[in-house]
Amino acid sequence: IDRHALSQGRPNVLIEVRNDLIEEEAG
């Protein structure tokens, strides 16, 4: 994000999802 967004002034966000909630396709 620092390299490709912040240094370029691009809007950005980083989303972390707890992995037990998305380990399967349905999640």
PDB file of all heavy atoms in Angstrom:
ATOM      1  N   ILE A   1       0.829  -1.202   0.000  1.00  0.00           N
ATOM      2  CA  ILE A   1       0.000   0.000   0.000  1.00  0.00           C
ATOM      3  C   ILE A   1       0.865   1.255   0.000  1.00  0.00           C
ATOM      4  O   ILE A   1       0.577   2.238  -0.710  1.00  0.00           O
ATOM      5  CB  ILE A   1      -0.967  -0.010   1.203  1.00  0.00           C
ATOM      6  CG1 ILE A   1      -2.069  -1.061   0.998  1.00  0.00           C
ATOM      7  CG2 ILE A   1      -1.582   1.367   1.432  1.00  0.00           C
ATOM      8  CD1 ILE A   1      -3.055  -0.757  -0.109  1.00  0.00           C
ATOM      9  N   ASP A   2       1.924   1.253   0.763  1.00  0.00           N
ATOM     10  CA  ASP A   2       2.832   2.398   0.769  1.00  0.00           C
ATOM     11  C   ASP A   2       3.391   2.647  -0.634  1.00  0.00           C
ATOM     12  O   ASP A   2       3.433   3.778  -1.120  1.00  0.00           O
ATOM     13  CB  ASP A   2       3.967   2.142   1.764  1.00  0.00           C
ATOM     14  CG  ASP A   2       4.871   3.347   1.963  1.00  0.00           C
ATOM     15  OD1 ASP A   2       4.356   4.475   2.066  1.00  0.00           O
ATOM     16  OD2 ASP A   2       6.100   3.162   2.018  1.00  0.00           O
ATOM     17  N   ARG A   3       3.783   1.576  -1.283  1.00  0.00           N
ATOM     18  CA  ARG A   3       4.441   1.666  -2.583  1.00  0.00           C
ATOM     19  C   ARG A   3       3.493   2.046  -3.720  1.00  0.00           C
ATOM     20  O   ARG A   3       3.829   2.877  -4.574  1.00  0.00           O
ATOM     21  CB  ARG A   3       5.094   0.314  -2.872  1.00  0.00           C
ATOM     22  CG  ARG A   3       5.847   0.208  -4.167  1.00  0.00           C
ATOM     23  CD  ARG A   3       6.624  -1.102  -4.170  1.00  0.00           C
ATOM     24  NE  ARG A   3       7.397  -1.273  -5.387  1.00  0.00           N
ATOM     25  CZ  ARG A   3       8.335  -2.201  -5.549  1.00  0.00           C
ATOM     26  NH1 ARG A   3       8.605  -3.035  -4.561  1.00  0.00           N
ATOM     27  NH2 ARG A   3       8.989  -2.307  -6.687  1.00  0.00           N
ATOM     28  N   HIS A   4       2.310   1.446  -3.728  1.00  0.00           N
ATOM     29  CA  HIS A   4       1.426   1.603  -4.889  1.00  0.00           C
ATOM     30  C   HIS A   4       0.260   2.550  -4.662  1.00  0.00           C
ATOM     31  O   HIS A   4      -0.393   2.949  -5.629  1.00  0.00           O
ATOM     32  CB  HIS A   4       0.899   0.239  -5.323  1.00  0.00           C
ATOM     33  CG  HIS A   4       1.971  -0.702  -5.758  1.00  0.00           C
ATOM     34  ND1 HIS A   4       2.629  -0.585  -6.962  1.00  0.00           N
ATOM     35  CD2 HIS A   4       2.526  -1.774  -5.124  1.00  0.00           C
ATOM     36  CE1 HIS A   4       3.531  -1.548  -7.075  1.00  0.00           C
ATOM     37  NE2 HIS A   4       3.488  -2.281  -5.978  1.00  0.00           N
ATOM     38  N   ALA A   5      -0.016   2.900  -3.424  1.00  0.00           N
ATOM     39  CA  ALA A   5      -1.147   3.790  -3.147  1.00  0.00           C
ATOM     40  C   ALA A   5      -0.692   5.080  -2.484  1.00  0.00           C
ATOM     41  O   ALA A   5      -0.875   6.167  -3.040  1.00  0.00           O
ATOM     42  CB  ALA A   5      -2.175   3.081  -2.276  1.00  0.00           C
ATOM     43  N   LEU A   6      -0.086   4.983  -1.316  1.00  0.00           N
ATOM     44  CA  LEU A   6       0.274   6.200  -0.579  1.00  0.00           C
ATOM     45  C   LEU A   6       1.237   7.075  -1.367  1.00  0.00           C
ATOM     46  O   LEU A   6       1.066   8.298  -1.433  1.00  0.00           O
ATOM     47  CB  LEU A   6       0.884   5.835   0.772  1.00  0.00           C
ATOM     48  CG  LEU A   6      -0.024   5.087   1.750  1.00  0.00           C
ATOM     49  CD1 LEU A   6       0.745   4.738   3.021  1.00  0.00           C
ATOM     50  CD2 LEU A   6      -1.268   5.904   2.079  1.00  0.00           C
ATOM     51  N   SER A   7       2.239   6.468  -1.964  1.00  0.00           N
ATOM     52  CA  SER A   7       3.239   7.262  -2.696  1.00  0.00           C
ATOM     53  C   SER A   7       2.671   7.889  -3.955  1.00  0.00           C
ATOM     54  O   SER A   7       3.246   8.840  -4.499  1.00  0.00           O
ATOM     55  CB  SER A   7       4.448   6.389  -3.049  1.00  0.00           C
ATOM     56  OG  SER A   7       4.081   5.377  -3.969  1.00  0.00           O
ATOM     57  N   GLN A   8       1.523   7.357  -4.420  1.00  0.00           N
ATOM     58  CA  GLN A   8       0.881   7.869  -5.636  1.00  0.00           C
ATOM     59  C   GLN A   8      -0.347   8.730  -5.330  1.00  0.00           C
ATOM     60  O   GLN A   8      -0.993   9.219  -6.252  1.00  0.00           O
ATOM     61  CB  GLN A   8       0.433   6.687  -6.503  1.00  0.00           C
ATOM     62  CG  GLN A   8       1.476   5.614  -6.721  1.00  0.00           C
ATOM     63  CD  GLN A   8       2.566   6.032  -7.665  1.00  0.00           C
ATOM     64  OE1 GLN A   8       2.341   6.900  -8.516  1.00  0.00           O
ATOM     65  NE2 GLN A   8       3.736   5.452  -7.546  1.00  0.00           N
ATOM     66  N   GLY A   9      -0.692   8.867  -4.066  1.00  0.00           N
ATOM     67  CA  GLY A   9      -1.877   9.631  -3.695  1.00  0.00           C
ATOM     68  C   GLY A   9      -3.181   8.945  -4.052  1.00  0.00           C
ATOM     69  O   GLY A   9      -4.225   9.595  -4.202  1.00  0.00           O
ATOM     70  N   ARG A  10      -3.160   7.613  -4.174  1.00  0.00           N
ATOM     71  CA  ARG A  10      -4.349   6.878  -4.577  1.00  0.00           C
ATOM     72  C   ARG A  10      -5.188   6.483  -3.364  1.00  0.00           C
ATOM     73  O   ARG A  10      -4.649   5.984  -2.372  1.00  0.00           O
ATOM     74  CB  ARG A  10      -3.946   5.616  -5.329  1.00  0.00           C
ATOM     75  CG  ARG A  10      -3.295   5.888  -6.677  1.00  0.00           C
ATOM     76  CD  ARG A  10      -2.644   4.641  -7.224  1.00  0.00           C
ATOM     77  NE  ARG A  10      -2.124   4.871  -8.585  1.00  0.00           N
ATOM     78  CZ  ARG A  10      -1.151   4.153  -9.138  1.00  0.00           C
ATOM     79  NH1 ARG A  10      -0.594   3.148  -8.457  1.00  0.00           N
ATOM     80  NH2 ARG A  10      -0.734   4.425 -10.368  1.00  0.00           N
ATOM     81  N   PRO A  11      -6.497   6.645  -3.428  1.00  0.00           N
ATOM     82  CA  PRO A  11      -7.345   6.155  -2.331  1.00  0.00           C
ATOM     83  C   PRO A  11      -7.130   4.659  -2.142  1.00  0.00           C
ATOM     84  O   PRO A  11      -6.941   3.910  -3.112  1.00  0.00           O
ATOM     85  CB  PRO A  11      -8.765   6.453  -2.820  1.00  0.00           C
ATOM     86  CG  PRO A  11      -8.613   7.511  -3.858  1.00  0.00           C
ATOM     87  CD  PRO A  11      -7.285   7.269  -4.509  1.00  0.00           C
ATOM     88  N   ASN A  12      -7.184   4.225  -0.895  1.00  0.00           N
ATOM     89  CA  ASN A  12      -6.850   2.833  -0.624  1.00  0.00           C
ATOM     90  C   ASN A  12      -7.436   2.382   0.700  1.00  0.00           C
ATOM     91  O   ASN A  12      -7.712   3.201   1.585  1.00  0.00           O
ATOM     92  CB  ASN A  12      -5.335   2.658  -0.582  1.00  0.00           C
ATOM     93  CG  ASN A  12      -4.707   3.432   0.571  1.00  0.00           C
ATOM     94  OD1 ASN A  12      -4.548   2.907   1.671  1.00  0.00           O
ATOM     95  ND2 ASN A  12      -4.371   4.705   0.338  1.00  0.00           N
ATOM     96  N   VAL A  13      -7.568   1.069   0.832  1.00  0.00           N
ATOM     97  CA  VAL A  13      -7.946   0.476   2.102  1.00  0.00           C
ATOM     98  C   VAL A  13      -7.457  -0.966   2.112  1.00  0.00           C
ATOM     99  O   VAL A  13      -7.382  -1.618   1.060  1.00  0.00           O
ATOM    100  CB  VAL A  13      -9.476   0.554   2.331  1.00  0.00           C
ATOM    101  CG1 VAL A  13     -10.228  -0.339   1.367  1.00  0.00           C
ATOM    102  CG2 VAL A  13      -9.839   0.264   3.766  1.00  0.00           C
ATOM    103  N   LEU A  14      -7.085  -1.446   3.278  1.00  0.00           N
ATOM    104  CA  LEU A  14      -6.665  -2.831   3.448  1.00  0.00           C
ATOM    105  C   LEU A  14      -7.651  -3.508   4.386  1.00  0.00           C
ATOM    106  O   LEU A  14      -7.881  -3.033   5.501  1.00  0.00           O
ATOM    107  CB  LEU A  14      -5.243  -2.909   4.008  1.00  0.00           C
ATOM    108  CG  LEU A  14      -4.572  -4.286   4.036  1.00  0.00           C
ATOM    109  CD1 LEU A  14      -3.049  -4.124   4.053  1.00  0.00           C
ATOM    110  CD2 LEU A  14      -5.007  -5.152   5.215  1.00  0.00           C
ATOM    111  N   ILE A  15      -8.243  -4.601   3.904  1.00  0.00           N
ATOM    112  CA  ILE A  15      -9.251  -5.327   4.675  1.00  0.00           C
ATOM    113  C   ILE A  15      -8.683  -6.680   5.085  1.00  0.00           C
ATOM    114  O   ILE A  15      -8.178  -7.442   4.248  1.00  0.00           O
ATOM    115  CB  ILE A  15     -10.533  -5.528   3.853  1.00  0.00           C
ATOM    116  CG1 ILE A  15     -11.125  -4.165   3.457  1.00  0.00           C
ATOM    117  CG2 ILE A  15     -11.550  -6.347   4.644  1.00  0.00           C
ATOM    118  CD1 ILE A  15     -12.286  -4.271   2.478  1.00  0.00           C
ATOM    119  N   GLU A  16      -8.757  -6.966   6.373  1.00  0.00           N
ATOM    120  CA  GLU A  16      -8.355  -8.259   6.936  1.00  0.00           C
ATOM    121  C   GLU A  16      -9.613  -8.977   7.414  1.00  0.00           C
ATOM    122  O   GLU A  16     -10.386  -8.418   8.191  1.00  0.00           O
ATOM    123  CB  GLU A  16      -7.426  -8.058   8.136  1.00  0.00           C
ATOM    124  CG  GLU A  16      -6.073  -7.447   7.813  1.00  0.00           C
ATOM    125  CD  GLU A  16      -4.954  -8.480   7.815  1.00  0.00           C
ATOM    126  OE1 GLU A  16      -5.266  -9.688   7.878  1.00  0.00           O
ATOM    127  OE2 GLU A  16      -3.794  -8.074   7.754  1.00  0.00           O
ATOM    128  N   VAL A  17      -9.802 -10.207   6.973  1.00  0.00           N
ATOM    129  CA  VAL A  17     -10.920 -11.023   7.441  1.00  0.00           C
ATOM    130  C   VAL A  17     -10.343 -12.223   8.189  1.00  0.00           C
ATOM    131  O   VAL A  17      -9.361 -12.827   7.743  1.00  0.00           O
ATOM    132  CB  VAL A  17     -11.809 -11.495   6.281  1.00  0.00           C
ATOM    133  CG1 VAL A  17     -12.977 -12.325   6.805  1.00  0.00           C
ATOM    134  CG2 VAL A  17     -12.322 -10.305   5.478  1.00  0.00           C
ATOM    135  N   ARG A  18     -10.928 -12.558   9.325  1.00  0.00           N
ATOM    136  CA  ARG A  18     -10.440 -13.704  10.095  1.00  0.00           C
ATOM    137  C   ARG A  18     -10.564 -14.960   9.253  1.00  0.00           C
ATOM    138  O   ARG A  18     -11.619 -15.227   8.667  1.00  0.00           O
ATOM    139  CB  ARG A  18     -11.230 -13.830  11.399  1.00  0.00           C
ATOM    140  CG  ARG A  18     -10.455 -14.520  12.520  1.00  0.00           C
ATOM    141  CD  ARG A  18     -11.263 -14.515  13.785  1.00  0.00           C
ATOM    142  NE  ARG A  18     -12.449 -15.374  13.635  1.00  0.00           N
ATOM    143  CZ  ARG A  18     -13.565 -15.235  14.351  1.00  0.00           C
ATOM    144  NH1 ARG A  18     -13.682 -14.252  15.228  1.00  0.00           N
ATOM    145  NH2 ARG A  18     -14.579 -16.065  14.175  1.00  0.00           N
ATOM    146  N   ASN A  19      -9.488 -15.731   9.186  1.00  0.00           N
ATOM    147  CA  ASN A  19      -9.436 -16.755   8.146  1.00  0.00           C
ATOM    148  C   ASN A  19     -10.380 -17.940   8.337  1.00  0.00           C
ATOM    149  O   ASN A  19     -10.715 -18.628   7.369  1.00  0.00           O
ATOM    150  CB  ASN A  19      -7.998 -17.223   7.893  1.00  0.00           C
ATOM    151  CG  ASN A  19      -7.360 -17.955   9.046  1.00  0.00           C
ATOM    152  OD1 ASN A  19      -8.024 -18.560   9.887  1.00  0.00           O
ATOM    153  ND2 ASN A  19      -6.035 -17.920   9.088  1.00  0.00           N
ATOM    154  N   ASP A  20     -10.838 -18.179   9.554  1.00  0.00           N
ATOM    155  CA  ASP A  20     -11.802 -19.268   9.723  1.00  0.00           C
ATOM    156  C   ASP A  20     -13.159 -18.932   9.094  1.00  0.00           C
ATOM    157  O   ASP A  20     -13.967 -19.834   8.843  1.00  0.00           O
ATOM    158  CB  ASP A  20     -11.970 -19.626  11.198  1.00  0.00           C
ATOM    159  CG  ASP A  20     -12.485 -18.463  12.038  1.00  0.00           C
ATOM    160  OD1 ASP A  20     -11.993 -17.330  11.867  1.00  0.00           O
ATOM    161  OD2 ASP A  20     -13.382 -18.677  12.877  1.00  0.00           O
ATOM    162  N   LEU A  21     -13.378 -17.666   8.803  1.00  0.00           N
ATOM    163  CA  LEU A  21     -14.639 -17.233   8.189  1.00  0.00           C
ATOM    164  C   LEU A  21     -14.622 -17.333   6.670  1.00  0.00           C
ATOM    165  O   LEU A  21     -15.683 -17.283   6.034  1.00  0.00           O
ATOM    166  CB  LEU A  21     -14.959 -15.795   8.607  1.00  0.00           C
ATOM    167  CG  LEU A  21     -15.068 -15.546  10.109  1.00  0.00           C
ATOM    168  CD1 LEU A  21     -15.303 -14.068  10.378  1.00  0.00           C
ATOM    169  CD2 LEU A  21     -16.176 -16.397  10.724  1.00  0.00           C
ATOM    170  N   ILE A  22     -13.424 -17.466   6.085  1.00  0.00           N
ATOM    171  CA  ILE A  22     -13.325 -17.466   4.619  1.00  0.00           C
ATOM    172  C   ILE A  22     -12.503 -18.635   4.079  1.00  0.00           C
ATOM    173  O   ILE A  22     -12.091 -18.622   2.928  1.00  0.00           O
ATOM    174  CB  ILE A  22     -12.754 -16.133   4.084  1.00  0.00           C
ATOM    175  CG1 ILE A  22     -11.389 -15.822   4.695  1.00  0.00           C
ATOM    176  CG2 ILE A  22     -13.727 -14.996   4.319  1.00  0.00           C
ATOM    177  CD1 ILE A  22     -10.653 -14.664   4.025  1.00  0.00           C
ATOM    178  N   GLU A  23     -12.257 -19.641   4.907  1.00  0.00           N
ATOM    179  CA  GLU A  23     -11.458 -20.764   4.416  1.00  0.00           C
ATOM    180  C   GLU A  23     -12.218 -21.595   3.388  1.00  0.00           C
ATOM    181  O   GLU A  23     -11.602 -22.304   2.582  1.00  0.00           O
ATOM    182  CB  GLU A  23     -10.970 -21.631   5.571  1.00  0.00           C
ATOM    183  CG  GLU A  23     -12.055 -22.201   6.455  1.00  0.00           C
ATOM    184  CD  GLU A  23     -11.477 -22.871   7.685  1.00  0.00           C
ATOM    185  OE1 GLU A  23     -10.263 -23.170   7.693  1.00  0.00           O
ATOM    186  OE2 GLU A  23     -12.235 -23.102   8.645  1.00  0.00           O
ATOM    187  N   GLU A  24     -13.538 -21.514   3.402  1.00  0.00           N
ATOM    188  CA  GLU A  24     -14.359 -22.227   2.424  1.00  0.00           C
ATOM    189  C   GLU A  24     -14.993 -21.243   1.446  1.00  0.00           C
ATOM    190  O   GLU A  24     -15.174 -20.058   1.749  1.00  0.00           O
ATOM    191  CB  GLU A  24     -15.464 -23.020   3.128  1.00  0.00           C
ATOM    192  CG  GLU A  24     -14.958 -24.026   4.161  1.00  0.00           C
ATOM    193  CD  GLU A  24     -14.173 -25.168   3.557  1.00  0.00           C
ATOM    194  OE1 GLU A  24     -14.321 -25.404   2.333  1.00  0.00           O
ATOM    195  OE2 GLU A  24     -13.417 -25.830   4.290  1.00  0.00           O
ATOM    196  N   GLU A  25     -15.342 -21.745   0.270  1.00  0.00           N
ATOM    197  CA  GLU A  25     -15.881 -20.882  -0.793  1.00  0.00           C
ATOM    198  C   GLU A  25     -17.138 -20.144  -0.350  1.00  0.00           C
ATOM    199  O   GLU A  25     -17.324 -18.968  -0.698  1.00  0.00           O
ATOM    200  CB  GLU A  25     -16.166 -21.712  -2.036  1.00  0.00           C
ATOM    201  CG  GLU A  25     -16.655 -20.874  -3.214  1.00  0.00           C
ATOM    202  CD  GLU A  25     -16.940 -21.710  -4.445  1.00  0.00           C
ATOM    203  OE1 GLU A  25     -16.893 -22.953  -4.349  1.00  0.00           O
ATOM    204  OE2 GLU A  25     -17.212 -21.111  -5.500  1.00  0.00           O
ATOM    205  N   ALA A  26     -18.001 -20.807   0.405  1.00  0.00           N
ATOM    206  CA  ALA A  26     -19.247 -20.151   0.827  1.00  0.00           C
ATOM    207  C   ALA A  26     -18.959 -18.899   1.641  1.00  0.00           C
ATOM    208  O   ALA A  26     -19.629 -17.868   1.471  1.00  0.00           O
ATOM    209  CB  ALA A  26     -20.102 -21.128   1.639  1.00  0.00           C
ATOM    210  N   GLY A  27     -17.977 -18.961   2.513  1.00  0.00           N
ATOM    211  CA  GLY A  27     -17.617 -17.793   3.302  1.00  0.00           C
ATOM    212  C   GLY A  27     -17.007 -16.694   2.455  1.00  0.00           C
ATOM    213  O   GLY A  27     -17.271 -15.499   2.672  1.00  0.00           O
TER     214      GLY A  27
END
